[in-house]
Amino acid sequence: MRSIWTSDLVSFPGLASKFGVIMATLLLTGCASSGVETTNYMLPADAGSADATLPATHDTTLLIARPLVAKHLDQEGIVLQLDDITLNAATTNLWAAPLPQQLERGMRERLAHRLPSTQVLLSQGNSRRDAVTLELSVDSFQGRYDGAAVASGQWILRGGDGKVQSYAPFNAEVTLNQDGYPALVRALGRSWDEVADEITAGFHSSSR
């Protein structure tokens, strides 16, 4: 990824602020001319996974359904929000696998580490009458013009009878600590960590 000088931002009024420089760098490197090699990114693992231990037995089962993502997110390019109304998908900085699949598997990993007494599985290929199912709707999973990585939407926990046990909107924001798509993807991973923390609290509350 090439770096840019602040003077390169003249074509992007309003982006040459402390965090706007980060977003403009992402935009310019993401919209490079044809012939530039693409870079593919995987959502990083749970930041706390190294400290987790899993028990031999499980009290309950939690199934993770494939998240429903907003139309603008259901594509290969990593998305940037340029202002309050404009979205841009990168053409050379891409998700290595479909985003719904990465979010699904990433959430399963995160909740498995946060809920050691619960068997956490992907819902596809698993059917348990007594299992709780997590449903996720993702409205935002993108970089933002103020230098934040944003994950927003809603989660729902349903019992084996299909009834809602718990639900809440989520809006996790993590500030990028440097420019570039690697920093953005890592920040998005940390935002997904925060969403997992919220769901874990909701799961514990609904199980009481």
N, C-alpha and C. Protein backbone atom coordinates (compact mmCIF):
# COMPACT_ATOMS: atom_id res chain seq x y z
N MET A 1 0.85 -1.19 0.00
CA MET A 1 0.00 0.00 0.00
C MET A 1 0.89 1.24 0.00
N ARG A 2 0.66 2.13 -0.94
CA ARG A 2 1.50 3.31 -1.00
C ARG A 2 1.02 4.35 -0.01
N SER A 3 1.93 5.16 0.48
CA SER A 3 1.54 6.25 1.38
C SER A 3 1.25 7.49 0.54
N ILE A 4 0.57 8.46 1.14
CA ILE A 4 0.25 9.70 0.44
C ILE A 4 0.65 10.87 1.31
N TRP A 5 0.84 12.03 0.66
CA TRP A 5 1.09 13.28 1.38
C TRP A 5 -0.24 13.97 1.61
N THR A 6 -0.29 14.80 2.63
CA THR A 6 -1.52 15.53 2.92
C THR A 6 -1.98 16.34 1.73
N SER A 7 -1.04 16.82 0.91
CA SER A 7 -1.42 17.61 -0.26
C SER A 7 -2.23 16.81 -1.26
N ASP A 8 -2.18 15.47 -1.19
CA ASP A 8 -2.97 14.63 -2.09
C ASP A 8 -4.46 14.73 -1.78
N LEU A 9 -4.82 15.35 -0.66
CA LEU A 9 -6.21 15.36 -0.22
C LEU A 9 -7.02 16.51 -0.81
N VAL A 10 -6.44 17.30 -1.70
CA VAL A 10 -7.15 18.47 -2.21
C VAL A 10 -8.42 18.07 -2.94
N SER A 11 -8.48 16.85 -3.45
CA SER A 11 -9.68 16.40 -4.16
C SER A 11 -10.75 15.89 -3.21
N PHE A 12 -10.46 15.90 -1.91
CA PHE A 12 -11.39 15.38 -0.93
C PHE A 12 -11.64 16.42 0.16
N PRO A 13 -12.36 17.49 -0.14
CA PRO A 13 -12.59 18.54 0.84
C PRO A 13 -13.18 17.98 2.13
N GLY A 14 -12.67 18.46 3.23
CA GLY A 14 -13.18 18.06 4.53
C GLY A 14 -12.54 16.82 5.09
N LEU A 15 -11.69 16.13 4.29
CA LEU A 15 -11.07 14.91 4.79
C LEU A 15 -9.69 15.15 5.40
N ALA A 16 -9.14 16.32 5.23
CA ALA A 16 -7.78 16.57 5.71
C ALA A 16 -7.75 17.00 7.17
N SER A 17 -8.35 16.19 8.03
CA SER A 17 -8.30 16.40 9.47
C SER A 17 -7.44 15.30 10.05
N LYS A 18 -7.28 15.29 11.36
CA LYS A 18 -6.43 14.28 11.99
C LYS A 18 -6.81 12.88 11.56
N PHE A 19 -8.12 12.55 11.68
CA PHE A 19 -8.55 11.23 11.30
C PHE A 19 -8.99 11.19 9.84
N GLY A 20 -9.28 12.35 9.27
CA GLY A 20 -9.65 12.38 7.86
C GLY A 20 -8.49 11.94 6.98
N VAL A 21 -7.27 12.24 7.39
CA VAL A 21 -6.10 11.78 6.64
C VAL A 21 -6.09 10.26 6.55
N ILE A 22 -6.44 9.61 7.65
CA ILE A 22 -6.49 8.15 7.65
C ILE A 22 -7.52 7.66 6.65
N MET A 23 -8.72 8.24 6.69
CA MET A 23 -9.77 7.78 5.80
C MET A 23 -9.45 8.10 4.34
N ALA A 24 -8.87 9.26 4.11
CA ALA A 24 -8.53 9.61 2.73
C ALA A 24 -7.45 8.70 2.18
N THR A 25 -6.49 8.32 3.02
CA THR A 25 -5.47 7.37 2.60
C THR A 25 -6.10 6.06 2.20
N LEU A 26 -7.06 5.60 3.01
CA LEU A 26 -7.76 4.37 2.68
C LEU A 26 -8.50 4.49 1.37
N LEU A 27 -9.15 5.63 1.17
CA LEU A 27 -9.91 5.84 -0.07
C LEU A 27 -9.01 5.81 -1.28
N LEU A 28 -7.90 6.56 -1.22
CA LEU A 28 -7.03 6.65 -2.38
C LEU A 28 -6.35 5.33 -2.70
N THR A 29 -5.95 4.60 -1.68
CA THR A 29 -5.32 3.31 -1.93
C THR A 29 -6.34 2.27 -2.34
N GLY A 30 -7.59 2.45 -1.92
CA GLY A 30 -8.63 1.50 -2.29
C GLY A 30 -9.17 1.72 -3.68
N CYS A 31 -8.96 2.91 -4.26
CA CYS A 31 -9.48 3.23 -5.58
C CYS A 31 -8.36 3.36 -6.59
N ALA A 32 -7.30 2.63 -6.39
CA ALA A 32 -6.16 2.72 -7.30
C ALA A 32 -6.55 2.27 -8.69
N SER A 33 -5.75 2.67 -9.68
CA SER A 33 -6.06 2.35 -11.07
C SER A 33 -5.94 0.86 -11.33
N SER A 34 -6.54 0.40 -12.42
CA SER A 34 -6.50 -1.00 -12.78
C SER A 34 -5.05 -1.42 -13.01
N GLY A 35 -4.76 -2.69 -12.75
CA GLY A 35 -3.40 -3.19 -12.90
C GLY A 35 -2.69 -3.31 -11.57
N VAL A 36 -3.20 -2.66 -10.53
CA VAL A 36 -2.62 -2.77 -9.20
C VAL A 36 -3.11 -4.07 -8.57
N GLU A 37 -2.21 -4.80 -7.93
CA GLU A 37 -2.58 -6.07 -7.32
C GLU A 37 -3.56 -5.84 -6.17
N THR A 38 -4.49 -6.77 -6.03
CA THR A 38 -5.45 -6.69 -4.94
C THR A 38 -4.85 -7.30 -3.68
N THR A 39 -5.36 -6.85 -2.54
CA THR A 39 -4.97 -7.40 -1.24
C THR A 39 -6.22 -7.93 -0.56
N ASN A 40 -6.15 -9.14 -0.04
CA ASN A 40 -7.30 -9.78 0.60
C ASN A 40 -7.09 -9.85 2.10
N TYR A 41 -8.16 -9.63 2.85
CA TYR A 41 -8.08 -9.56 4.31
C TYR A 41 -9.06 -10.53 4.97
N MET A 42 -8.59 -11.15 6.03
CA MET A 42 -9.43 -11.96 6.90
C MET A 42 -9.70 -11.19 8.19
N LEU A 43 -10.90 -11.32 8.72
CA LEU A 43 -11.21 -10.71 10.01
C LEU A 43 -10.31 -11.34 11.07
N PRO A 44 -9.61 -10.53 11.88
CA PRO A 44 -8.68 -11.11 12.86
C PRO A 44 -9.39 -11.92 13.93
N ALA A 45 -8.62 -12.78 14.58
CA ALA A 45 -9.16 -13.61 15.65
C ALA A 45 -9.49 -12.76 16.87
N ASP A 46 -10.22 -13.36 17.77
CA ASP A 46 -10.60 -12.72 19.03
C ASP A 46 -9.34 -12.28 19.77
N ALA A 47 -9.32 -11.01 20.15
CA ALA A 47 -8.13 -10.47 20.82
C ALA A 47 -7.85 -11.15 22.14
N GLY A 48 -8.86 -11.73 22.78
CA GLY A 48 -8.67 -12.39 24.07
C GLY A 48 -8.59 -13.89 23.99
N SER A 49 -8.49 -14.43 22.77
CA SER A 49 -8.57 -15.88 22.60
C SER A 49 -7.43 -16.65 23.28
N ALA A 50 -6.27 -16.03 23.40
CA ALA A 50 -5.12 -16.74 23.97
C ALA A 50 -5.32 -17.08 25.43
N ASP A 51 -6.19 -16.35 26.14
CA ASP A 51 -6.39 -16.58 27.56
C ASP A 51 -7.56 -17.52 27.85
N ALA A 52 -8.24 -17.98 26.79
CA ALA A 52 -9.46 -18.75 26.99
C ALA A 52 -9.15 -20.24 27.18
N THR A 53 -9.93 -20.90 28.05
CA THR A 53 -9.86 -22.34 28.21
C THR A 53 -11.26 -22.90 28.10
N LEU A 54 -11.39 -24.06 27.46
CA LEU A 54 -12.70 -24.65 27.22
C LEU A 54 -12.88 -25.89 28.09
N PRO A 55 -14.05 -26.05 28.73
CA PRO A 55 -14.28 -27.22 29.56
C PRO A 55 -14.59 -28.45 28.71
N ALA A 56 -14.53 -29.62 29.35
CA ALA A 56 -14.80 -30.86 28.63
C ALA A 56 -16.29 -31.07 28.40
N THR A 57 -17.13 -30.51 29.25
CA THR A 57 -18.58 -30.68 29.12
C THR A 57 -19.24 -29.32 28.97
N HIS A 58 -20.47 -29.33 28.41
CA HIS A 58 -21.20 -28.10 28.17
C HIS A 58 -22.62 -28.22 28.72
N ASP A 59 -23.09 -27.13 29.32
CA ASP A 59 -24.43 -27.12 29.91
C ASP A 59 -25.51 -26.84 28.87
N THR A 60 -25.22 -25.98 27.93
CA THR A 60 -26.21 -25.58 26.93
C THR A 60 -25.54 -25.48 25.56
N THR A 61 -26.39 -25.32 24.53
CA THR A 61 -25.89 -25.17 23.17
C THR A 61 -26.39 -23.85 22.59
N LEU A 62 -25.48 -23.12 21.96
CA LEU A 62 -25.82 -21.87 21.29
C LEU A 62 -25.46 -22.01 19.82
N LEU A 63 -26.45 -21.80 18.95
CA LEU A 63 -26.24 -21.89 17.52
C LEU A 63 -26.12 -20.50 16.92
N ILE A 64 -25.12 -20.29 16.08
CA ILE A 64 -24.89 -18.99 15.44
C ILE A 64 -25.43 -19.03 14.01
N ALA A 65 -26.47 -18.26 13.74
CA ALA A 65 -27.03 -18.19 12.39
C ALA A 65 -26.17 -17.27 11.52
N ARG A 66 -26.18 -17.51 10.23
CA ARG A 66 -25.44 -16.65 9.30
C ARG A 66 -26.00 -15.22 9.39
N PRO A 67 -25.17 -14.23 9.70
CA PRO A 67 -25.66 -12.85 9.83
C PRO A 67 -26.27 -12.32 8.53
N LEU A 68 -27.28 -11.50 8.69
CA LEU A 68 -27.86 -10.77 7.57
C LEU A 68 -27.16 -9.41 7.51
N VAL A 69 -26.51 -9.10 6.40
CA VAL A 69 -25.79 -7.84 6.29
C VAL A 69 -26.50 -6.92 5.31
N ALA A 70 -26.35 -5.62 5.54
CA ALA A 70 -26.93 -4.62 4.64
C ALA A 70 -26.36 -4.81 3.23
N LYS A 71 -27.14 -4.42 2.24
CA LYS A 71 -26.77 -4.64 0.84
C LYS A 71 -25.40 -4.07 0.51
N HIS A 72 -25.09 -2.88 1.04
CA HIS A 72 -23.81 -2.25 0.68
C HIS A 72 -22.61 -2.98 1.26
N LEU A 73 -22.84 -3.86 2.24
CA LEU A 73 -21.75 -4.64 2.83
C LEU A 73 -21.56 -5.99 2.16
N ASP A 74 -22.57 -6.44 1.43
CA ASP A 74 -22.54 -7.78 0.84
C ASP A 74 -21.80 -7.77 -0.49
N GLN A 75 -20.52 -7.47 -0.43
CA GLN A 75 -19.66 -7.41 -1.61
C GLN A 75 -18.22 -7.62 -1.18
N GLU A 76 -17.32 -7.77 -2.16
CA GLU A 76 -15.93 -8.07 -1.85
C GLU A 76 -15.18 -6.89 -1.24
N GLY A 77 -15.43 -5.68 -1.72
CA GLY A 77 -14.67 -4.52 -1.30
C GLY A 77 -14.95 -4.09 0.13
N ILE A 78 -13.90 -3.72 0.86
CA ILE A 78 -14.07 -3.18 2.21
C ILE A 78 -14.67 -1.78 2.07
N VAL A 79 -15.67 -1.49 2.89
CA VAL A 79 -16.46 -0.27 2.73
C VAL A 79 -15.95 0.85 3.62
N LEU A 80 -15.91 2.07 3.05
CA LEU A 80 -15.62 3.29 3.80
C LEU A 80 -16.81 4.23 3.70
N GLN A 81 -17.14 4.86 4.81
CA GLN A 81 -18.16 5.91 4.83
C GLN A 81 -17.43 7.24 4.74
N LEU A 82 -17.62 7.97 3.63
CA LEU A 82 -16.85 9.18 3.35
C LEU A 82 -17.40 10.42 4.03
N ASP A 83 -18.71 10.44 4.26
CA ASP A 83 -19.36 11.54 4.98
C ASP A 83 -20.67 10.99 5.52
N ASP A 84 -21.62 11.88 5.86
CA ASP A 84 -22.84 11.38 6.47
C ASP A 84 -23.74 10.62 5.51
N ILE A 85 -23.50 10.70 4.20
CA ILE A 85 -24.40 10.05 3.24
C ILE A 85 -23.69 9.21 2.18
N THR A 86 -22.36 9.26 2.10
CA THR A 86 -21.65 8.63 0.99
C THR A 86 -20.85 7.42 1.44
N LEU A 87 -21.02 6.30 0.72
CA LEU A 87 -20.29 5.07 0.99
C LEU A 87 -19.45 4.70 -0.23
N ASN A 88 -18.27 4.13 0.02
CA ASN A 88 -17.38 3.74 -1.07
C ASN A 88 -16.81 2.36 -0.77
N ALA A 89 -16.90 1.44 -1.75
CA ALA A 89 -16.32 0.11 -1.61
C ALA A 89 -14.99 0.06 -2.32
N ALA A 90 -13.96 -0.40 -1.65
CA ALA A 90 -12.62 -0.51 -2.25
C ALA A 90 -12.64 -1.50 -3.40
N THR A 91 -11.78 -1.25 -4.38
CA THR A 91 -11.68 -2.15 -5.53
C THR A 91 -10.45 -3.04 -5.49
N THR A 92 -9.47 -2.69 -4.66
CA THR A 92 -8.25 -3.50 -4.57
C THR A 92 -7.98 -4.02 -3.16
N ASN A 93 -8.75 -3.59 -2.19
CA ASN A 93 -8.63 -4.08 -0.82
C ASN A 93 -9.92 -4.80 -0.49
N LEU A 94 -9.85 -6.13 -0.48
CA LEU A 94 -11.04 -6.96 -0.51
C LEU A 94 -11.08 -7.93 0.68
N TRP A 95 -12.30 -8.37 1.02
CA TRP A 95 -12.45 -9.45 1.98
C TRP A 95 -12.05 -10.76 1.33
N ALA A 96 -11.28 -11.58 2.02
CA ALA A 96 -10.79 -12.83 1.46
C ALA A 96 -11.88 -13.88 1.33
N ALA A 97 -12.93 -13.74 2.12
CA ALA A 97 -14.11 -14.61 2.06
C ALA A 97 -15.32 -13.73 2.23
N PRO A 98 -16.51 -14.18 1.81
CA PRO A 98 -17.70 -13.35 1.97
C PRO A 98 -17.85 -12.84 3.40
N LEU A 99 -18.18 -11.56 3.53
CA LEU A 99 -18.25 -10.96 4.86
C LEU A 99 -19.24 -11.67 5.79
N PRO A 100 -20.45 -12.04 5.34
CA PRO A 100 -21.36 -12.74 6.26
C PRO A 100 -20.74 -14.00 6.85
N GLN A 101 -19.98 -14.73 6.03
CA GLN A 101 -19.32 -15.95 6.51
C GLN A 101 -18.24 -15.61 7.52
N GLN A 102 -17.45 -14.57 7.27
CA GLN A 102 -16.40 -14.19 8.22
C GLN A 102 -17.00 -13.71 9.55
N LEU A 103 -18.08 -12.94 9.47
CA LEU A 103 -18.72 -12.47 10.70
C LEU A 103 -19.31 -13.63 11.49
N GLU A 104 -19.92 -14.58 10.80
CA GLU A 104 -20.50 -15.75 11.45
C GLU A 104 -19.44 -16.57 12.18
N ARG A 105 -18.37 -16.90 11.47
CA ARG A 105 -17.32 -17.72 12.08
C ARG A 105 -16.55 -16.95 13.15
N GLY A 106 -16.38 -15.66 12.91
CA GLY A 106 -15.71 -14.84 13.91
C GLY A 106 -16.51 -14.74 15.20
N MET A 107 -17.84 -14.62 15.08
CA MET A 107 -18.67 -14.55 16.28
C MET A 107 -18.70 -15.90 17.00
N ARG A 108 -18.72 -17.00 16.25
CA ARG A 108 -18.69 -18.31 16.90
C ARG A 108 -17.42 -18.46 17.74
N GLU A 109 -16.29 -18.09 17.16
CA GLU A 109 -15.02 -18.17 17.89
C GLU A 109 -15.05 -17.31 19.15
N ARG A 110 -15.52 -16.08 19.01
CA ARG A 110 -15.52 -15.15 20.14
C ARG A 110 -16.44 -15.63 21.26
N LEU A 111 -17.62 -16.09 20.91
CA LEU A 111 -18.56 -16.53 21.95
C LEU A 111 -18.12 -17.85 22.57
N ALA A 112 -17.46 -18.71 21.81
CA ALA A 112 -16.94 -19.95 22.39
C ALA A 112 -15.93 -19.66 23.49
N HIS A 113 -15.15 -18.61 23.34
CA HIS A 113 -14.17 -18.25 24.36
C HIS A 113 -14.81 -17.52 25.54
N ARG A 114 -15.89 -16.81 25.28
CA ARG A 114 -16.55 -16.06 26.35
C ARG A 114 -17.56 -16.89 27.12
N LEU A 115 -18.02 -17.99 26.53
CA LEU A 115 -19.03 -18.85 27.16
C LEU A 115 -18.49 -20.27 27.26
N PRO A 116 -17.50 -20.50 28.11
CA PRO A 116 -16.83 -21.81 28.16
C PRO A 116 -17.73 -22.97 28.55
N SER A 117 -18.83 -22.71 29.26
CA SER A 117 -19.72 -23.81 29.64
C SER A 117 -20.83 -24.03 28.61
N THR A 118 -20.77 -23.32 27.50
CA THR A 118 -21.77 -23.44 26.44
C THR A 118 -21.13 -23.99 25.18
N GLN A 119 -21.79 -24.93 24.54
CA GLN A 119 -21.33 -25.44 23.25
C GLN A 119 -21.80 -24.47 22.18
N VAL A 120 -20.87 -23.80 21.52
CA VAL A 120 -21.21 -22.80 20.51
C VAL A 120 -20.90 -23.37 19.13
N LEU A 121 -21.95 -23.46 18.30
CA LEU A 121 -21.84 -24.08 16.98
C LEU A 121 -22.43 -23.18 15.92
N LEU A 122 -22.02 -23.38 14.68
CA LEU A 122 -22.71 -22.73 13.56
C LEU A 122 -24.04 -23.44 13.36
N SER A 123 -25.08 -22.68 13.08
CA SER A 123 -26.41 -23.28 12.95
C SER A 123 -26.52 -24.18 11.73
N GLN A 124 -25.78 -23.84 10.66
CA GLN A 124 -25.84 -24.63 9.44
C GLN A 124 -25.28 -26.03 9.70
N GLY A 125 -26.10 -27.04 9.47
CA GLY A 125 -25.68 -28.42 9.69
C GLY A 125 -25.89 -28.90 11.10
N ASN A 126 -26.39 -28.04 11.99
CA ASN A 126 -26.66 -28.43 13.37
C ASN A 126 -28.09 -28.06 13.73
N SER A 127 -28.82 -29.02 14.27
CA SER A 127 -30.21 -28.79 14.67
C SER A 127 -30.42 -29.38 16.05
N ARG A 128 -30.70 -28.50 17.01
CA ARG A 128 -30.93 -28.93 18.39
C ARG A 128 -32.22 -28.28 18.89
N ARG A 129 -33.17 -29.08 19.33
CA ARG A 129 -34.45 -28.52 19.78
C ARG A 129 -34.31 -27.61 20.99
N ASP A 130 -33.39 -27.96 21.87
CA ASP A 130 -33.25 -27.19 23.10
C ASP A 130 -32.21 -26.09 22.99
N ALA A 131 -31.65 -25.88 21.80
CA ALA A 131 -30.57 -24.91 21.63
C ALA A 131 -31.12 -23.49 21.54
N VAL A 132 -30.31 -22.55 22.00
CA VAL A 132 -30.58 -21.12 21.80
C VAL A 132 -29.92 -20.73 20.48
N THR A 133 -30.60 -19.89 19.70
CA THR A 133 -30.06 -19.45 18.41
C THR A 133 -29.80 -17.95 18.44
N LEU A 134 -28.61 -17.56 17.97
CA LEU A 134 -28.27 -16.14 17.85
C LEU A 134 -28.49 -15.69 16.41
N GLU A 135 -29.31 -14.64 16.25
CA GLU A 135 -29.54 -14.03 14.94
C GLU A 135 -28.93 -12.64 14.94
N LEU A 136 -28.22 -12.30 13.89
CA LEU A 136 -27.54 -11.00 13.78
C LEU A 136 -27.96 -10.29 12.50
N SER A 137 -28.30 -9.01 12.64
CA SER A 137 -28.51 -8.13 11.48
C SER A 137 -27.46 -7.04 11.56
N VAL A 138 -26.66 -6.90 10.50
CA VAL A 138 -25.54 -5.97 10.52
C VAL A 138 -25.82 -4.84 9.53
N ASP A 139 -25.95 -3.63 10.06
CA ASP A 139 -26.22 -2.45 9.23
C ASP A 139 -24.93 -1.75 8.80
N SER A 140 -23.91 -1.78 9.67
CA SER A 140 -22.63 -1.12 9.37
C SER A 140 -21.50 -2.03 9.80
N PHE A 141 -20.49 -2.15 8.93
CA PHE A 141 -19.24 -2.82 9.29
C PHE A 141 -18.20 -2.22 8.36
N GLN A 142 -17.72 -1.03 8.74
CA GLN A 142 -16.99 -0.20 7.78
C GLN A 142 -16.11 0.82 8.49
N GLY A 143 -15.20 1.43 7.72
CA GLY A 143 -14.46 2.57 8.21
C GLY A 143 -15.30 3.82 8.06
N ARG A 144 -15.05 4.80 8.92
CA ARG A 144 -15.82 6.04 8.89
C ARG A 144 -14.89 7.24 8.76
N TYR A 145 -15.40 8.32 8.19
CA TYR A 145 -14.60 9.50 7.84
C TYR A 145 -13.90 10.14 9.03
N ASP A 146 -14.37 9.89 10.25
CA ASP A 146 -13.71 10.48 11.43
C ASP A 146 -12.62 9.58 12.00
N GLY A 147 -12.26 8.50 11.29
CA GLY A 147 -11.17 7.64 11.73
C GLY A 147 -11.59 6.53 12.65
N ALA A 148 -12.85 6.11 12.58
CA ALA A 148 -13.34 5.02 13.42
C ALA A 148 -13.76 3.83 12.56
N ALA A 149 -13.64 2.65 13.13
CA ALA A 149 -14.21 1.44 12.55
C ALA A 149 -15.52 1.19 13.28
N VAL A 150 -16.60 0.99 12.53
CA VAL A 150 -17.94 0.94 13.11
C VAL A 150 -18.62 -0.38 12.78
N ALA A 151 -19.18 -1.01 13.81
CA ALA A 151 -20.04 -2.19 13.63
C ALA A 151 -21.36 -1.88 14.32
N SER A 152 -22.46 -1.91 13.57
CA SER A 152 -23.76 -1.62 14.17
C SER A 152 -24.81 -2.54 13.59
N GLY A 153 -25.90 -2.71 14.35
CA GLY A 153 -26.98 -3.57 13.91
C GLY A 153 -27.81 -4.02 15.10
N GLN A 154 -28.25 -5.26 15.08
CA GLN A 154 -29.09 -5.79 16.15
C GLN A 154 -28.83 -7.29 16.31
N TRP A 155 -28.87 -7.77 17.55
CA TRP A 155 -28.78 -9.21 17.80
C TRP A 155 -30.03 -9.68 18.53
N ILE A 156 -30.39 -10.93 18.29
CA ILE A 156 -31.56 -11.56 18.91
C ILE A 156 -31.17 -12.96 19.36
N LEU A 157 -31.56 -13.33 20.57
CA LEU A 157 -31.40 -14.68 21.07
C LEU A 157 -32.78 -15.34 21.15
N ARG A 158 -32.93 -16.46 20.46
CA ARG A 158 -34.20 -17.19 20.45
C ARG A 158 -34.03 -18.55 21.13
N GLY A 159 -35.02 -18.91 21.94
CA GLY A 159 -35.00 -20.21 22.58
C GLY A 159 -35.35 -21.31 21.59
N GLY A 160 -35.29 -22.55 22.04
CA GLY A 160 -35.62 -23.67 21.17
C GLY A 160 -37.04 -23.64 20.67
N ASP A 161 -37.93 -22.93 21.38
CA ASP A 161 -39.33 -22.81 20.96
C ASP A 161 -39.54 -21.67 19.98
N GLY A 162 -38.47 -20.97 19.62
CA GLY A 162 -38.58 -19.87 18.67
C GLY A 162 -38.90 -18.53 19.29
N LYS A 163 -39.16 -18.49 20.58
CA LYS A 163 -39.50 -17.24 21.25
C LYS A 163 -38.24 -16.44 21.56
N VAL A 164 -38.38 -15.11 21.47
CA VAL A 164 -37.25 -14.22 21.75
C VAL A 164 -36.96 -14.21 23.25
N GLN A 165 -35.72 -14.52 23.59
CA GLN A 165 -35.29 -14.48 24.99
C GLN A 165 -34.65 -13.14 25.34
N SER A 166 -33.92 -12.59 24.38
CA SER A 166 -33.23 -11.32 24.61
C SER A 166 -32.87 -10.71 23.27
N TYR A 167 -32.82 -9.39 23.22
CA TYR A 167 -32.41 -8.71 21.99
C TYR A 167 -31.95 -7.30 22.34
N ALA A 168 -31.13 -6.74 21.46
CA ALA A 168 -30.65 -5.37 21.66
C ALA A 168 -29.94 -4.88 20.40
N PRO A 169 -29.97 -3.59 20.17
CA PRO A 169 -29.15 -3.03 19.10
C PRO A 169 -27.70 -2.98 19.57
N PHE A 170 -26.77 -2.92 18.64
CA PHE A 170 -25.37 -2.74 19.00
C PHE A 170 -24.75 -1.67 18.12
N ASN A 171 -23.79 -0.96 18.68
CA ASN A 171 -23.05 0.07 17.95
C ASN A 171 -21.66 0.18 18.57
N ALA A 172 -20.73 -0.56 18.01
CA ALA A 172 -19.36 -0.58 18.53
C ALA A 172 -18.47 0.26 17.63
N GLU A 173 -17.70 1.16 18.24
CA GLU A 173 -16.80 2.04 17.48
C GLU A 173 -15.39 1.95 18.06
N VAL A 174 -14.41 1.71 17.19
CA VAL A 174 -13.01 1.61 17.60
C VAL A 174 -12.20 2.57 16.74
N THR A 175 -11.40 3.42 17.38
CA THR A 175 -10.60 4.40 16.66
C THR A 175 -9.36 3.74 16.05
N LEU A 176 -9.09 4.04 14.77
CA LEU A 176 -7.88 3.54 14.12
C LEU A 176 -6.66 4.22 14.74
N ASN A 177 -5.61 3.46 14.98
CA ASN A 177 -4.40 4.04 15.55
C ASN A 177 -3.36 4.40 14.49
N GLN A 178 -3.62 4.08 13.23
CA GLN A 178 -2.75 4.47 12.13
C GLN A 178 -3.54 4.33 10.83
N ASP A 179 -2.93 4.77 9.70
CA ASP A 179 -3.64 4.68 8.45
C ASP A 179 -3.43 3.32 7.81
N GLY A 180 -4.18 3.03 6.76
CA GLY A 180 -4.03 1.79 6.02
C GLY A 180 -5.13 0.79 6.29
N TYR A 181 -5.37 -0.04 5.30
CA TYR A 181 -6.41 -1.06 5.43
C TYR A 181 -6.10 -2.11 6.50
N PRO A 182 -4.84 -2.53 6.70
CA PRO A 182 -4.59 -3.47 7.79
C PRO A 182 -5.08 -2.94 9.14
N ALA A 183 -4.82 -1.65 9.40
CA ALA A 183 -5.28 -1.05 10.66
C ALA A 183 -6.79 -1.02 10.73
N LEU A 184 -7.46 -0.74 9.60
CA LEU A 184 -8.92 -0.71 9.58
C LEU A 184 -9.49 -2.09 9.87
N VAL A 185 -8.94 -3.13 9.23
CA VAL A 185 -9.46 -4.48 9.43
C VAL A 185 -9.25 -4.93 10.88
N ARG A 186 -8.10 -4.58 11.44
CA ARG A 186 -7.86 -4.94 12.85
C ARG A 186 -8.83 -4.21 13.78
N ALA A 187 -9.11 -2.95 13.47
CA ALA A 187 -10.06 -2.19 14.29
C ALA A 187 -11.47 -2.77 14.15
N LEU A 188 -11.84 -3.20 12.94
CA LEU A 188 -13.14 -3.85 12.76
C LEU A 188 -13.21 -5.14 13.57
N GLY A 189 -12.09 -5.87 13.64
CA GLY A 189 -12.05 -7.06 14.46
C GLY A 189 -12.30 -6.75 15.93
N ARG A 190 -11.71 -5.65 16.40
CA ARG A 190 -11.92 -5.26 17.80
C ARG A 190 -13.36 -4.80 18.03
N SER A 191 -13.96 -4.19 17.02
CA SER A 191 -15.37 -3.81 17.17
C SER A 191 -16.25 -5.06 17.27
N TRP A 192 -15.90 -6.13 16.55
CA TRP A 192 -16.65 -7.38 16.63
C TRP A 192 -16.44 -8.04 18.00
N ASP A 193 -15.24 -7.83 18.58
CA ASP A 193 -15.00 -8.28 19.96
C ASP A 193 -15.99 -7.62 20.91
N GLU A 194 -16.19 -6.32 20.74
CA GLU A 194 -17.10 -5.57 21.63
C GLU A 194 -18.54 -6.06 21.48
N VAL A 195 -18.93 -6.35 20.23
CA VAL A 195 -20.28 -6.88 20.01
C VAL A 195 -20.43 -8.23 20.72
N ALA A 196 -19.41 -9.06 20.63
CA ALA A 196 -19.43 -10.36 21.31
C ALA A 196 -19.56 -10.18 22.82
N ASP A 197 -18.89 -9.16 23.37
CA ASP A 197 -19.01 -8.88 24.81
C ASP A 197 -20.46 -8.56 25.17
N GLU A 198 -21.12 -7.75 24.35
CA GLU A 198 -22.51 -7.37 24.62
C GLU A 198 -23.44 -8.58 24.53
N ILE A 199 -23.22 -9.43 23.54
CA ILE A 199 -24.07 -10.61 23.38
C ILE A 199 -23.85 -11.57 24.54
N THR A 200 -22.62 -11.69 25.00
CA THR A 200 -22.32 -12.55 26.14
C THR A 200 -23.10 -12.10 27.37
N ALA A 201 -23.12 -10.80 27.62
CA ALA A 201 -23.88 -10.28 28.76
C ALA A 201 -25.37 -10.56 28.60
N GLY A 202 -25.88 -10.40 27.38
CA GLY A 202 -27.29 -10.68 27.13
C GLY A 202 -27.62 -12.16 27.29
N PHE A 203 -26.70 -13.01 26.88
CA PHE A 203 -26.91 -14.47 27.04
C PHE A 203 -26.97 -14.84 28.51
N HIS A 204 -26.06 -14.30 29.30
CA HIS A 204 -26.06 -14.60 30.73
C HIS A 204 -27.35 -14.10 31.39
N SER A 205 -27.81 -12.91 31.00
CA SER A 205 -29.03 -12.35 31.58
C SER A 205 -30.25 -13.20 31.24
N SER A 206 -30.32 -13.68 30.00
CA SER A 206 -31.49 -14.46 29.56
C SER A 206 -31.48 -15.86 30.14
N SER A 207 -30.31 -16.32 30.62
CA SER A 207 -30.20 -17.69 31.16
C SER A 207 -30.53 -17.76 32.63
N ARG A 208 -30.71 -16.62 33.28
CA ARG A 208 -30.99 -16.60 34.72
C ARG A 208 -32.43 -17.03 35.01
